Amino acid sequence: REDSGFQSVSPLECLGETRMKRIVYSWCAVIVLAAATASARADAIDHYINERMRELRLPGVALAVARGGEIVTIRCFGSADLEHAVPVSEDSVF
């Protein structure tokens, strides 16, 4: 194998350990904040759906969210069959 004159250097050696740790911790904080924001939005959507169900006296609702033609989440609320206490599912027919 021919020596190219270049030495392999790890990211820690290149950026410095302290700076690399700061970058990693910063990305971790961004991920945690994004997850918390998404959770807060999901809670707000759940609250909105439950309020509308009460207001409109709906026994059950299924909600699908699509992005780019693909379903990214499905949420089910309430009952599909009040007489038999069957909860709404992804397969419920309304």
N, C-alpha and C. Protein backbone atom coordinates (compact mmCIF):
# COMPACT_ATOMS: atom_id res chain seq x y z
N ARG A 1 0.84 -1.17 0.00
CA ARG A 1 0.00 0.00 0.00
C ARG A 1 0.89 1.23 0.00
N GLU A 2 0.57 2.18 -0.83
CA GLU A 2 1.38 3.38 -0.98
C GLU A 2 0.98 4.42 0.07
N ASP A 3 1.95 5.09 0.68
CA ASP A 3 1.69 6.13 1.68
C ASP A 3 1.38 7.43 0.96
N SER A 4 0.17 7.99 1.18
CA SER A 4 -0.24 9.21 0.50
C SER A 4 0.27 10.47 1.21
N GLY A 5 0.81 10.31 2.38
CA GLY A 5 1.29 11.46 3.13
C GLY A 5 0.23 12.06 4.04
N PHE A 6 -1.01 11.56 3.92
CA PHE A 6 -2.09 12.06 4.78
C PHE A 6 -2.29 11.10 5.93
N GLN A 7 -2.56 11.68 7.08
CA GLN A 7 -2.80 10.86 8.27
C GLN A 7 -4.28 10.87 8.57
N SER A 8 -4.83 9.71 8.91
CA SER A 8 -6.23 9.62 9.29
C SER A 8 -6.43 10.29 10.65
N VAL A 9 -7.44 11.17 10.72
CA VAL A 9 -7.70 11.91 11.96
C VAL A 9 -9.16 11.72 12.33
N SER A 10 -9.41 11.43 13.60
CA SER A 10 -10.79 11.26 14.06
C SER A 10 -11.45 12.63 14.22
N PRO A 11 -12.80 12.67 14.21
CA PRO A 11 -13.50 13.94 14.41
C PRO A 11 -13.12 14.61 15.73
N LEU A 12 -12.87 13.80 16.77
CA LEU A 12 -12.48 14.38 18.06
C LEU A 12 -11.15 15.11 17.96
N GLU A 13 -10.21 14.51 17.22
CA GLU A 13 -8.90 15.14 17.06
C GLU A 13 -9.00 16.37 16.18
N CYS A 14 -9.88 16.33 15.18
CA CYS A 14 -10.02 17.43 14.24
C CYS A 14 -10.69 18.65 14.89
N LEU A 15 -11.79 18.45 15.56
CA LEU A 15 -12.55 19.56 16.14
C LEU A 15 -12.15 19.85 17.59
N GLY A 16 -11.57 18.92 18.24
CA GLY A 16 -11.29 19.07 19.66
C GLY A 16 -12.42 18.44 20.44
N GLU A 17 -12.05 17.75 21.49
CA GLU A 17 -13.04 16.99 22.26
C GLU A 17 -14.13 17.89 22.85
N THR A 18 -13.76 19.03 23.40
CA THR A 18 -14.75 19.92 24.02
C THR A 18 -15.75 20.44 22.99
N ARG A 19 -15.26 20.85 21.85
CA ARG A 19 -16.16 21.38 20.81
C ARG A 19 -17.07 20.27 20.29
N MET A 20 -16.54 19.09 20.09
CA MET A 20 -17.35 17.96 19.62
C MET A 20 -18.44 17.64 20.63
N LYS A 21 -18.11 17.65 21.92
CA LYS A 21 -19.13 17.39 22.95
C LYS A 21 -20.22 18.45 22.90
N ARG A 22 -19.83 19.71 22.71
CA ARG A 22 -20.82 20.79 22.61
C ARG A 22 -21.76 20.56 21.43
N ILE A 23 -21.20 20.13 20.31
CA ILE A 23 -22.02 19.88 19.12
C ILE A 23 -22.99 18.74 19.40
N VAL A 24 -22.51 17.66 19.99
CA VAL A 24 -23.37 16.51 20.30
C VAL A 24 -24.46 16.91 21.28
N TYR A 25 -24.11 17.63 22.34
CA TYR A 25 -25.11 18.06 23.32
C TYR A 25 -26.12 19.02 22.70
N SER A 26 -25.68 19.87 21.80
CA SER A 26 -26.59 20.80 21.13
C SER A 26 -27.61 20.04 20.29
N TRP A 27 -27.14 19.03 19.54
CA TRP A 27 -28.06 18.24 18.74
C TRP A 27 -29.02 17.44 19.61
N CYS A 28 -28.56 16.95 20.72
CA CYS A 28 -29.45 16.24 21.66
C CYS A 28 -30.53 17.18 22.17
N ALA A 29 -30.16 18.41 22.49
CA ALA A 29 -31.14 19.39 22.97
C ALA A 29 -32.16 19.70 21.88
N VAL A 30 -31.72 19.83 20.64
CA VAL A 30 -32.64 20.09 19.53
C VAL A 30 -33.63 18.94 19.38
N ILE A 31 -33.14 17.72 19.47
CA ILE A 31 -34.01 16.55 19.33
C ILE A 31 -35.03 16.50 20.46
N VAL A 32 -34.58 16.76 21.69
CA VAL A 32 -35.50 16.74 22.84
C VAL A 32 -36.56 17.83 22.69
N LEU A 33 -36.15 19.03 22.29
CA LEU A 33 -37.12 20.13 22.10
C LEU A 33 -38.11 19.82 20.98
N ALA A 34 -37.63 19.24 19.90
CA ALA A 34 -38.52 18.88 18.80
C ALA A 34 -39.54 17.84 19.24
N ALA A 35 -39.10 16.87 20.01
CA ALA A 35 -40.01 15.83 20.51
C ALA A 35 -41.04 16.44 21.46
N ALA A 36 -40.60 17.34 22.32
CA ALA A 36 -41.53 18.00 23.26
C ALA A 36 -42.55 18.84 22.51
N THR A 37 -42.10 19.55 21.47
CA THR A 37 -43.01 20.37 20.67
C THR A 37 -44.03 19.49 19.95
N ALA A 38 -43.57 18.39 19.37
CA ALA A 38 -44.47 17.47 18.69
C ALA A 38 -45.48 16.89 19.67
N SER A 39 -45.03 16.55 20.87
CA SER A 39 -45.92 16.01 21.88
C SER A 39 -46.97 17.04 22.30
N ALA A 40 -46.55 18.30 22.45
CA ALA A 40 -47.48 19.37 22.83
C ALA A 40 -48.51 19.57 21.73
N ARG A 41 -48.07 19.51 20.46
CA ARG A 41 -49.01 19.65 19.34
C ARG A 41 -50.00 18.49 19.33
N ALA A 42 -49.51 17.27 19.57
CA ALA A 42 -50.39 16.11 19.60
C ALA A 42 -51.41 16.25 20.72
N ASP A 43 -50.98 16.73 21.89
CA ASP A 43 -51.90 16.95 23.01
C ASP A 43 -52.96 17.99 22.64
N ALA A 44 -52.55 19.06 21.96
CA ALA A 44 -53.50 20.10 21.56
C ALA A 44 -54.51 19.56 20.55
N ILE A 45 -54.05 18.71 19.63
CA ILE A 45 -54.95 18.10 18.65
C ILE A 45 -55.92 17.16 19.34
N ASP A 46 -55.42 16.33 20.26
CA ASP A 46 -56.29 15.44 21.02
C ASP A 46 -57.36 16.23 21.77
N HIS A 47 -56.95 17.31 22.42
CA HIS A 47 -57.90 18.15 23.16
C HIS A 47 -58.95 18.73 22.21
N TYR A 48 -58.53 19.23 21.06
CA TYR A 48 -59.45 19.81 20.08
C TYR A 48 -60.45 18.76 19.62
N ILE A 49 -59.98 17.57 19.26
CA ILE A 49 -60.87 16.51 18.77
C ILE A 49 -61.87 16.12 19.86
N ASN A 50 -61.40 15.94 21.09
CA ASN A 50 -62.30 15.57 22.19
C ASN A 50 -63.33 16.65 22.46
N GLU A 51 -62.95 17.92 22.38
CA GLU A 51 -63.91 19.02 22.57
C GLU A 51 -64.97 19.01 21.47
N ARG A 52 -64.55 18.84 20.20
CA ARG A 52 -65.51 18.81 19.09
C ARG A 52 -66.43 17.60 19.21
N MET A 53 -65.90 16.46 19.65
CA MET A 53 -66.73 15.27 19.83
C MET A 53 -67.82 15.53 20.85
N ARG A 54 -67.45 16.18 21.96
CA ARG A 54 -68.44 16.51 22.99
C ARG A 54 -69.47 17.50 22.44
N GLU A 55 -68.97 18.54 21.78
CA GLU A 55 -69.84 19.58 21.23
C GLU A 55 -70.82 19.03 20.20
N LEU A 56 -70.35 18.17 19.32
CA LEU A 56 -71.18 17.62 18.25
C LEU A 56 -71.84 16.30 18.61
N ARG A 57 -71.58 15.84 19.85
CA ARG A 57 -72.14 14.59 20.36
C ARG A 57 -71.80 13.42 19.44
N LEU A 58 -70.52 13.35 19.08
CA LEU A 58 -70.03 12.25 18.25
C LEU A 58 -69.49 11.14 19.14
N PRO A 59 -69.91 9.90 18.93
CA PRO A 59 -69.41 8.81 19.77
C PRO A 59 -67.96 8.41 19.45
N GLY A 60 -67.55 8.62 18.19
CA GLY A 60 -66.20 8.22 17.82
C GLY A 60 -65.70 8.92 16.57
N VAL A 61 -64.39 9.03 16.48
CA VAL A 61 -63.74 9.69 15.34
C VAL A 61 -62.42 8.97 15.06
N ALA A 62 -62.10 8.84 13.79
CA ALA A 62 -60.77 8.35 13.37
C ALA A 62 -60.13 9.48 12.58
N LEU A 63 -58.88 9.77 12.88
CA LEU A 63 -58.16 10.87 12.24
C LEU A 63 -56.88 10.32 11.62
N ALA A 64 -56.68 10.58 10.34
CA ALA A 64 -55.45 10.18 9.66
C ALA A 64 -54.75 11.44 9.17
N VAL A 65 -53.44 11.48 9.33
CA VAL A 65 -52.63 12.59 8.83
C VAL A 65 -51.73 12.04 7.74
N ALA A 66 -51.80 12.69 6.57
CA ALA A 66 -50.98 12.25 5.43
C ALA A 66 -49.99 13.34 5.06
N ARG A 67 -48.82 12.92 4.66
CA ARG A 67 -47.79 13.85 4.18
C ARG A 67 -47.17 13.22 2.93
N GLY A 68 -47.19 13.97 1.84
CA GLY A 68 -46.62 13.46 0.60
C GLY A 68 -47.31 12.22 0.08
N GLY A 69 -48.62 12.12 0.32
CA GLY A 69 -49.37 10.97 -0.15
C GLY A 69 -49.25 9.73 0.72
N GLU A 70 -48.50 9.82 1.80
CA GLU A 70 -48.33 8.69 2.71
C GLU A 70 -48.95 9.01 4.07
N ILE A 71 -49.66 8.07 4.65
CA ILE A 71 -50.23 8.27 5.99
C ILE A 71 -49.08 8.21 7.00
N VAL A 72 -48.95 9.28 7.79
CA VAL A 72 -47.86 9.33 8.77
C VAL A 72 -48.35 9.01 10.19
N THR A 73 -49.64 9.22 10.44
CA THR A 73 -50.17 8.86 11.75
C THR A 73 -51.68 8.66 11.66
N ILE A 74 -52.18 7.79 12.50
CA ILE A 74 -53.62 7.55 12.62
C ILE A 74 -53.95 7.60 14.11
N ARG A 75 -54.96 8.38 14.45
CA ARG A 75 -55.42 8.47 15.84
C ARG A 75 -56.89 8.09 15.88
N CYS A 76 -57.29 7.35 16.88
CA CYS A 76 -58.68 6.91 17.05
C CYS A 76 -59.20 7.40 18.39
N PHE A 77 -60.44 7.89 18.37
CA PHE A 77 -61.06 8.46 19.56
C PHE A 77 -62.46 7.89 19.74
N GLY A 78 -62.84 7.60 20.97
CA GLY A 78 -64.21 7.23 21.29
C GLY A 78 -64.59 5.82 20.90
N SER A 79 -65.93 5.65 20.70
CA SER A 79 -66.51 4.33 20.46
C SER A 79 -67.06 4.20 19.05
N ALA A 80 -66.82 3.05 18.45
CA ALA A 80 -67.38 2.74 17.14
C ALA A 80 -68.77 2.12 17.31
N ASP A 81 -68.99 1.47 18.45
CA ASP A 81 -70.27 0.81 18.73
C ASP A 81 -70.57 1.02 20.21
N LEU A 82 -71.52 1.92 20.50
CA LEU A 82 -71.85 2.23 21.89
C LEU A 82 -72.50 1.05 22.60
N GLU A 83 -73.33 0.32 21.88
CA GLU A 83 -74.06 -0.79 22.49
C GLU A 83 -73.11 -1.87 23.02
N HIS A 84 -72.03 -2.14 22.28
CA HIS A 84 -71.09 -3.18 22.67
C HIS A 84 -69.77 -2.63 23.18
N ALA A 85 -69.69 -1.32 23.38
CA ALA A 85 -68.50 -0.64 23.89
C ALA A 85 -67.24 -0.99 23.10
N VAL A 86 -67.36 -0.95 21.78
CA VAL A 86 -66.23 -1.24 20.89
C VAL A 86 -65.53 0.08 20.57
N PRO A 87 -64.25 0.20 20.89
CA PRO A 87 -63.54 1.43 20.59
C PRO A 87 -63.29 1.60 19.08
N VAL A 88 -63.15 2.85 18.67
CA VAL A 88 -62.80 3.12 17.27
C VAL A 88 -61.41 2.57 17.02
N SER A 89 -61.23 1.96 15.85
CA SER A 89 -59.90 1.46 15.45
C SER A 89 -59.63 1.93 14.03
N GLU A 90 -58.45 1.60 13.54
CA GLU A 90 -58.09 1.94 12.16
C GLU A 90 -59.02 1.26 11.17
N ASP A 91 -59.63 0.18 11.57
CA ASP A 91 -60.50 -0.60 10.68
C ASP A 91 -61.98 -0.24 10.84
N SER A 92 -62.32 0.70 11.70
CA SER A 92 -63.73 1.06 11.92
C SER A 92 -64.33 1.63 10.65
N VAL A 93 -65.58 1.25 10.39
CA VAL A 93 -66.34 1.76 9.25
C VAL A 93 -67.39 2.70 9.80
N PHE A 94 -67.43 3.91 9.26
CA PHE A 94 -68.42 4.90 9.72
C PHE A 94 -69.46 5.10 8.66
